[in-house]
Structure formats: structure tokens, C-alpha cells
Amino acid sequence: MVDPTSDIGEGVDEADAPSCATCGASIVESTSHRVITWIEDGDVQSAHFCDEQCRMDWDGDD
């Protein structure tokens, strides 16, 4: 598991990198990487996206 507060683009192996919640691509060294977080049933949830378009396709929010 990658620490989401780290510089995710540096030194992350593709096998350990997060996957885009929309297209499933591994997110490695991507300057367009987006993350959203929310609380659900008292737990923190998050979703990673390879770019803004995949994030928009996932939930439609700006």
C-alpha cells in the first residue's frame, strides 16, 4: 500500500501503485493523477484517477 501523502510519482513500483477507479490503469509518475476522498459509514474512502477526464467519468462532478 502506498502512503497517499507521499510523492506518489517517485519510486513507486507499478505493482504497488494505485489503479484508476474508472479505467483500471496503474498510476505511476503521473502529473495528472487525481484523488477524491469521502466518509462512508464512518470510514474514510478514496478513489484514484489517472486524469481529470476519468474522474469526471466516474462521478460527473467538476
N, C-alpha and C. Protein backbone atom coordinates (compact mmCIF):
# COMPACT_ATOMS: atom_id res chain seq x y z
N MET A 1 0.85 -1.18 0.00
CA MET A 1 0.00 0.00 0.00
C MET A 1 0.89 1.23 0.00
N VAL A 2 0.56 2.16 -0.86
CA VAL A 2 1.31 3.40 -0.99
C VAL A 2 0.72 4.44 -0.06
N ASP A 3 1.57 5.15 0.66
CA ASP A 3 1.13 6.24 1.51
C ASP A 3 0.57 7.35 0.60
N PRO A 4 -0.73 7.66 0.70
CA PRO A 4 -1.32 8.65 -0.22
C PRO A 4 -0.79 10.07 -0.02
N THR A 5 -0.05 10.31 1.05
CA THR A 5 0.52 11.64 1.27
C THR A 5 1.94 11.75 0.73
N SER A 6 2.47 10.66 0.22
CA SER A 6 3.84 10.69 -0.30
C SER A 6 3.86 11.23 -1.73
N ASP A 7 5.06 11.44 -2.25
CA ASP A 7 5.23 11.81 -3.64
C ASP A 7 5.02 10.55 -4.47
N ILE A 8 3.79 10.30 -4.84
CA ILE A 8 3.42 9.02 -5.44
C ILE A 8 4.14 8.73 -6.75
N GLY A 9 4.61 9.79 -7.41
CA GLY A 9 5.29 9.58 -8.68
C GLY A 9 6.71 9.12 -8.57
N GLU A 10 7.26 9.08 -7.38
CA GLU A 10 8.67 8.76 -7.24
C GLU A 10 8.89 7.44 -6.52
N GLY A 11 9.58 6.52 -7.18
CA GLY A 11 9.97 5.27 -6.54
C GLY A 11 8.83 4.31 -6.27
N VAL A 12 7.73 4.43 -6.97
CA VAL A 12 6.59 3.53 -6.77
C VAL A 12 6.60 2.48 -7.87
N ASP A 13 6.62 1.23 -7.46
CA ASP A 13 6.57 0.13 -8.39
C ASP A 13 5.14 0.02 -8.94
N GLU A 14 4.99 -0.33 -10.20
CA GLU A 14 3.67 -0.43 -10.82
C GLU A 14 2.75 -1.39 -10.06
N ALA A 15 3.30 -2.44 -9.50
CA ALA A 15 2.50 -3.41 -8.74
C ALA A 15 1.93 -2.80 -7.45
N ASP A 16 2.60 -1.78 -6.91
CA ASP A 16 2.16 -1.12 -5.68
C ASP A 16 1.39 0.17 -5.92
N ALA A 17 1.36 0.62 -7.15
CA ALA A 17 0.71 1.89 -7.48
C ALA A 17 -0.81 1.73 -7.43
N PRO A 18 -1.51 2.82 -7.13
CA PRO A 18 -2.98 2.75 -7.17
C PRO A 18 -3.47 2.58 -8.60
N SER A 19 -4.67 2.05 -8.75
CA SER A 19 -5.28 1.89 -10.06
C SER A 19 -6.39 2.91 -10.23
N CYS A 20 -6.57 3.38 -11.44
CA CYS A 20 -7.63 4.33 -11.74
C CYS A 20 -8.98 3.66 -11.51
N ALA A 21 -9.86 4.32 -10.76
CA ALA A 21 -11.18 3.77 -10.45
C ALA A 21 -12.08 3.68 -11.67
N THR A 22 -11.74 4.38 -12.74
CA THR A 22 -12.56 4.35 -13.96
C THR A 22 -12.02 3.38 -15.00
N CYS A 23 -10.76 3.54 -15.37
CA CYS A 23 -10.22 2.71 -16.47
C CYS A 23 -9.33 1.57 -16.01
N GLY A 24 -8.91 1.58 -14.74
CA GLY A 24 -8.10 0.49 -14.20
C GLY A 24 -6.61 0.60 -14.44
N ALA A 25 -6.17 1.66 -15.12
CA ALA A 25 -4.74 1.83 -15.40
C ALA A 25 -3.97 2.08 -14.10
N SER A 26 -2.76 1.52 -14.03
CA SER A 26 -1.87 1.80 -12.90
C SER A 26 -1.40 3.24 -12.99
N ILE A 27 -1.37 3.94 -11.85
CA ILE A 27 -0.99 5.34 -11.85
C ILE A 27 0.42 5.46 -11.29
N VAL A 28 1.38 5.60 -12.20
CA VAL A 28 2.79 5.70 -11.85
C VAL A 28 3.37 6.95 -12.50
N GLU A 29 4.00 7.79 -11.69
CA GLU A 29 4.66 9.00 -12.18
C GLU A 29 3.75 9.82 -13.08
N SER A 30 2.53 10.07 -12.64
CA SER A 30 1.56 10.82 -13.42
C SER A 30 1.28 12.17 -12.78
N THR A 31 1.55 13.23 -13.52
CA THR A 31 1.26 14.57 -13.01
C THR A 31 -0.23 14.88 -13.08
N SER A 32 -1.01 14.07 -13.80
CA SER A 32 -2.44 14.31 -13.92
C SER A 32 -3.25 13.48 -12.91
N HIS A 33 -2.58 12.75 -12.03
CA HIS A 33 -3.20 11.91 -11.01
C HIS A 33 -4.15 12.73 -10.15
N ARG A 34 -5.37 12.22 -9.95
CA ARG A 34 -6.36 12.88 -9.10
C ARG A 34 -6.84 11.88 -8.05
N VAL A 35 -7.17 12.38 -6.85
CA VAL A 35 -7.69 11.54 -5.78
C VAL A 35 -8.87 12.27 -5.14
N ILE A 36 -9.95 11.55 -4.88
CA ILE A 36 -11.03 12.12 -4.09
C ILE A 36 -11.22 11.24 -2.87
N THR A 37 -11.64 11.84 -1.78
CA THR A 37 -11.89 11.11 -0.54
C THR A 37 -13.27 11.50 -0.01
N TRP A 38 -13.87 10.58 0.76
CA TRP A 38 -15.16 10.83 1.38
C TRP A 38 -15.31 9.91 2.57
N ILE A 39 -16.29 10.23 3.41
CA ILE A 39 -16.60 9.40 4.57
C ILE A 39 -17.86 8.61 4.26
N GLU A 40 -17.79 7.31 4.48
CA GLU A 40 -18.94 6.42 4.25
C GLU A 40 -19.04 5.46 5.42
N ASP A 41 -20.17 5.49 6.10
CA ASP A 41 -20.39 4.62 7.27
C ASP A 41 -19.27 4.76 8.30
N GLY A 42 -18.76 5.99 8.48
CA GLY A 42 -17.73 6.25 9.47
C GLY A 42 -16.32 5.90 9.04
N ASP A 43 -16.14 5.41 7.82
CA ASP A 43 -14.81 5.05 7.32
C ASP A 43 -14.41 6.00 6.19
N VAL A 44 -13.11 6.29 6.12
CA VAL A 44 -12.60 7.12 5.03
C VAL A 44 -12.45 6.23 3.79
N GLN A 45 -13.00 6.69 2.70
CA GLN A 45 -12.90 6.01 1.41
C GLN A 45 -12.12 6.93 0.46
N SER A 46 -11.49 6.35 -0.54
CA SER A 46 -10.81 7.17 -1.54
C SER A 46 -10.85 6.47 -2.88
N ALA A 47 -10.72 7.27 -3.92
CA ALA A 47 -10.66 6.74 -5.28
C ALA A 47 -9.58 7.52 -6.03
N HIS A 48 -8.77 6.80 -6.78
CA HIS A 48 -7.68 7.40 -7.55
C HIS A 48 -8.08 7.41 -9.02
N PHE A 49 -7.61 8.41 -9.74
CA PHE A 49 -7.92 8.55 -11.16
C PHE A 49 -6.66 8.97 -11.89
N CYS A 50 -6.50 8.44 -13.12
CA CYS A 50 -5.28 8.76 -13.88
C CYS A 50 -5.31 10.17 -14.43
N ASP A 51 -6.50 10.75 -14.60
CA ASP A 51 -6.59 12.14 -15.06
C ASP A 51 -7.97 12.70 -14.73
N GLU A 52 -8.15 13.97 -15.03
CA GLU A 52 -9.41 14.65 -14.72
C GLU A 52 -10.58 14.05 -15.49
N GLN A 53 -10.36 13.62 -16.73
CA GLN A 53 -11.45 13.04 -17.52
C GLN A 53 -11.97 11.75 -16.88
N CYS A 54 -11.09 10.89 -16.41
CA CYS A 54 -11.54 9.66 -15.73
C CYS A 54 -12.28 10.00 -14.44
N ARG A 55 -11.82 11.03 -13.73
CA ARG A 55 -12.54 11.44 -12.52
C ARG A 55 -13.94 11.92 -12.88
N MET A 56 -14.06 12.72 -13.91
CA MET A 56 -15.36 13.22 -14.35
C MET A 56 -16.26 12.06 -14.82
N ASP A 57 -15.70 11.11 -15.52
CA ASP A 57 -16.48 9.96 -15.99
C ASP A 57 -17.00 9.12 -14.83
N TRP A 58 -16.25 9.11 -13.70
CA TRP A 58 -16.64 8.32 -12.54
C TRP A 58 -17.84 8.89 -11.82
N ASP A 59 -17.86 10.23 -11.62
CA ASP A 59 -18.97 10.81 -10.85
C ASP A 59 -19.63 12.02 -11.48
N GLY A 60 -19.06 12.56 -12.54
CA GLY A 60 -19.68 13.68 -13.23
C GLY A 60 -19.54 15.02 -12.55
N ASP A 61 -18.88 15.09 -11.38
CA ASP A 61 -18.69 16.36 -10.68
C ASP A 61 -17.46 17.09 -11.20
N ASP A 62 -17.53 18.42 -11.17
CA ASP A 62 -16.36 19.24 -11.54
C ASP A 62 -15.40 19.31 -10.39
